[in-house]
Amino acid sequence: MAAPLIELEQVLEQLIVEHEKLLRHIDSQQAAMKKLDARALEASAQEQEAARLRITALEARRRAIIAQLSQTMRLGPKPTLAQVADASPAARARLLALRQRLKQAATAVSNRAQIASRVAGAVLGHLNTAVRLISGAVEQAGLYTRNGTPQSSARIGLLEAVG
């Protein structure tokens, strides 16, 4: 088997491992969101960013190897991994299996990231509402009883009801 094909298999395996790491980091981020743990959220975000950078570097290596194989095998300008696998029958089964595993890992990351973004949006929406309520209460001066409870007016005026 040619050296570029072996290197391609190694890069695909590394991509799968990095996607699985990214998936674990997304899961830890979701757990931190449930607990509202800011430090764990920050750590998870940094780990996710590091994993994304490693995936980007591996993807660049994968593309360079595919380009090299494309020239060697005369496959065309931008061959797919399936076309490279078809052009090399000895490595076809392994390459297609790695391709399938990588697709599954990338799909799982995409699905979990979408869920995480929705959860984060919901949490931010709740926090925004709480801050608005607090700022609205602080904005309007009121009278307080000796016990420290706010005293509400018996009658609400037209302007107060609309505002």
Protein backbone atom coordinates (compact mmCIF):
# COMPACT_ATOMS: atom_id res chain seq x y z
CA MET A 1 0.00 0.00 0.00
CA ALA A 2 1.29 3.46 -0.87
CA ALA A 3 2.52 5.77 1.87
CA PRO A 4 -0.11 8.48 1.16
CA LEU A 5 -2.90 5.93 1.63
CA ILE A 6 -1.48 4.87 5.00
CA GLU A 7 -1.12 8.50 6.00
CA LEU A 8 -4.69 9.17 4.87
CA GLU A 9 -5.97 6.33 7.06
CA GLN A 10 -4.03 7.70 10.02
CA VAL A 11 -5.42 11.20 9.50
CA LEU A 12 -8.96 9.83 9.23
CA GLU A 13 -8.50 7.90 12.48
CA GLN A 14 -7.18 11.04 14.18
CA LEU A 15 -10.16 13.02 12.86
CA ILE A 16 -12.53 10.45 14.34
CA VAL A 17 -10.76 10.64 17.72
CA GLU A 18 -10.90 14.46 17.71
CA HIS A 19 -14.61 14.45 16.83
CA GLU A 20 -15.26 12.05 19.72
CA LYS A 21 -13.31 14.36 22.06
CA LEU A 22 -15.34 17.31 20.82
CA LEU A 23 -18.51 15.35 21.50
CA ARG A 24 -17.39 14.72 25.10
CA HIS A 25 -16.63 18.42 25.54
CA ILE A 26 -20.08 19.36 24.26
CA ASP A 27 -21.62 16.90 26.73
CA SER A 28 -19.63 18.44 29.57
CA GLN A 29 -20.79 21.88 28.45
CA GLN A 30 -24.41 20.75 28.61
CA ALA A 31 -23.87 19.34 32.11
CA ALA A 32 -22.30 22.65 33.18
CA MET A 33 -25.26 24.55 31.72
CA LYS A 34 -27.65 22.44 33.76
CA LYS A 35 -25.73 23.30 36.93
CA LEU A 36 -25.10 26.92 35.82
CA ASP A 37 -21.39 26.36 36.56
CA ALA A 38 -19.60 29.28 34.89
CA ARG A 39 -16.09 27.89 35.42
CA ALA A 40 -16.97 24.53 33.91
CA LEU A 41 -18.65 26.32 30.98
CA GLU A 42 -15.50 28.36 30.36
CA ALA A 43 -13.25 25.29 30.59
CA SER A 44 -15.51 23.36 28.23
CA ALA A 45 -15.55 26.23 25.74
CA GLN A 46 -11.73 26.36 25.74
CA GLU A 47 -11.49 22.59 25.26
CA GLN A 48 -13.99 22.74 22.41
CA GLU A 49 -12.05 25.50 20.70
CA ALA A 50 -8.80 23.52 21.02
CA ALA A 51 -10.50 20.43 19.54
CA ARG A 52 -11.90 22.50 16.67
CA LEU A 53 -8.44 23.88 15.90
CA ARG A 54 -6.98 20.36 15.86
CA ILE A 55 -9.82 19.20 13.58
CA THR A 56 -9.14 22.12 11.24
CA ALA A 57 -5.43 21.23 11.07
CA LEU A 58 -6.20 17.55 10.44
CA GLU A 59 -8.74 18.46 7.78
CA ALA A 60 -6.09 20.56 6.00
CA ARG A 61 -3.72 17.57 6.10
CA ARG A 62 -6.48 15.30 4.77
CA ARG A 63 -7.13 17.65 1.87
CA ALA A 64 -3.42 17.86 1.04
CA ILE A 65 -3.13 14.06 1.03
CA ILE A 66 -6.23 13.76 -1.17
CA ALA A 67 -4.74 16.32 -3.58
CA GLN A 68 -1.49 14.35 -3.68
CA LEU A 69 -3.38 11.10 -4.32
CA SER A 70 -5.47 12.84 -6.97
CA GLN A 71 -2.34 13.71 -8.93
CA THR A 72 -0.83 10.25 -8.46
CA MET A 73 -4.00 8.34 -9.41
CA ARG A 74 -5.22 10.92 -11.96
CA LEU A 75 -8.65 11.26 -10.38
CA GLY A 76 -9.50 14.84 -11.26
CA PRO A 77 -9.35 18.19 -9.50
CA LYS A 78 -11.28 17.46 -6.28
CA PRO A 79 -11.93 13.76 -5.77
CA THR A 80 -14.05 12.50 -2.92
CA LEU A 81 -12.87 9.94 -0.42
CA ALA A 82 -15.14 7.38 -2.07
CA GLN A 83 -13.43 8.00 -5.42
CA VAL A 84 -10.00 7.57 -3.82
CA ALA A 85 -11.21 4.34 -2.20
CA ASP A 86 -12.53 3.06 -5.53
CA ALA A 87 -9.20 3.83 -7.18
CA SER A 88 -7.28 1.77 -4.61
CA PRO A 89 -8.99 -1.62 -4.18
CA ALA A 90 -6.56 -2.83 -1.51
CA ALA A 91 -7.51 -0.01 0.87
CA ARG A 92 -11.11 0.42 -0.26
CA ALA A 93 -12.83 -1.37 2.62
CA ARG A 94 -10.76 0.36 5.31
CA LEU A 95 -11.17 3.81 3.77
CA LEU A 96 -14.93 3.44 3.37
CA ALA A 97 -15.27 2.16 6.95
CA LEU A 98 -13.28 5.12 8.27
CA ARG A 99 -15.34 7.47 6.13
CA GLN A 100 -18.55 6.04 7.61
CA ARG A 101 -17.25 6.33 11.20
CA LEU A 102 -16.16 9.93 10.56
CA LYS A 103 -19.57 10.79 9.11
CA GLN A 104 -21.30 9.34 12.18
CA ALA A 105 -19.02 11.23 14.57
CA ALA A 106 -19.47 14.52 12.69
CA THR A 107 -23.25 14.06 12.60
CA ALA A 108 -23.33 13.36 16.35
CA VAL A 109 -21.25 16.49 17.03
CA SER A 110 -23.55 18.56 14.83
CA ASN A 111 -26.69 17.29 16.55
CA ARG A 112 -25.34 17.78 20.07
CA ALA A 113 -24.00 21.25 19.24
CA GLN A 114 -27.40 22.25 17.92
CA ILE A 115 -29.05 21.02 21.12
CA ALA A 116 -26.42 22.81 23.23
CA SER A 117 -27.04 26.07 21.37
CA ARG A 118 -30.78 25.78 21.96
CA VAL A 119 -30.27 25.11 25.67
CA ALA A 120 -27.86 28.05 25.89
CA GLY A 121 -30.40 30.28 24.15
CA ALA A 122 -33.11 29.22 26.58
CA VAL A 123 -30.86 29.85 29.60
CA LEU A 124 -29.90 33.27 28.26
CA GLY A 125 -33.56 34.07 27.64
CA HIS A 126 -34.42 33.24 31.25
CA LEU A 127 -31.51 35.29 32.55
CA ASN A 128 -32.50 38.21 30.34
CA THR A 129 -36.05 38.08 31.69
CA ALA A 130 -34.80 37.98 35.29
CA VAL A 131 -32.49 40.95 34.71
CA ARG A 132 -35.32 42.90 33.09
CA LEU A 133 -37.62 42.21 36.03
CA ILE A 134 -34.98 43.21 38.54
CA SER A 135 -34.03 46.36 36.67
CA GLY A 136 -37.69 47.25 36.31
CA ALA A 137 -38.22 46.88 40.03
CA VAL A 138 -35.12 48.93 40.85
CA GLU A 139 -36.05 51.57 38.30
CA GLN A 140 -39.33 52.40 40.00
CA ALA A 141 -38.93 53.80 43.47
CA GLY A 142 -41.55 52.68 45.93
CA LEU A 143 -42.48 52.85 49.53
CA TYR A 144 -41.56 50.12 51.96
CA THR A 145 -43.20 49.14 55.24
CA ARG A 146 -41.30 48.83 58.51
CA ASN A 147 -40.91 45.10 57.82
CA GLY A 148 -39.09 45.80 54.56
CA THR A 149 -41.81 44.64 52.19
CA PRO A 150 -42.78 46.87 49.29
CA GLN A 151 -46.01 48.75 49.70
CA SER A 152 -48.16 48.64 46.60
CA SER A 153 -50.61 51.35 45.73
CA ALA A 154 -54.24 50.49 46.06
CA ARG A 155 -55.04 51.92 42.69
CA ILE A 156 -53.07 51.54 39.46
CA GLY A 157 -53.30 54.53 37.16
CA LEU A 158 -53.81 54.37 33.43
CA LEU A 159 -50.21 55.32 32.63
CA GLU A 160 -48.81 52.71 35.05
CA ALA A 161 -50.97 49.96 33.57
CA VAL A 162 -49.85 50.71 30.01
CA GLY A 163 -46.16 51.24 30.82
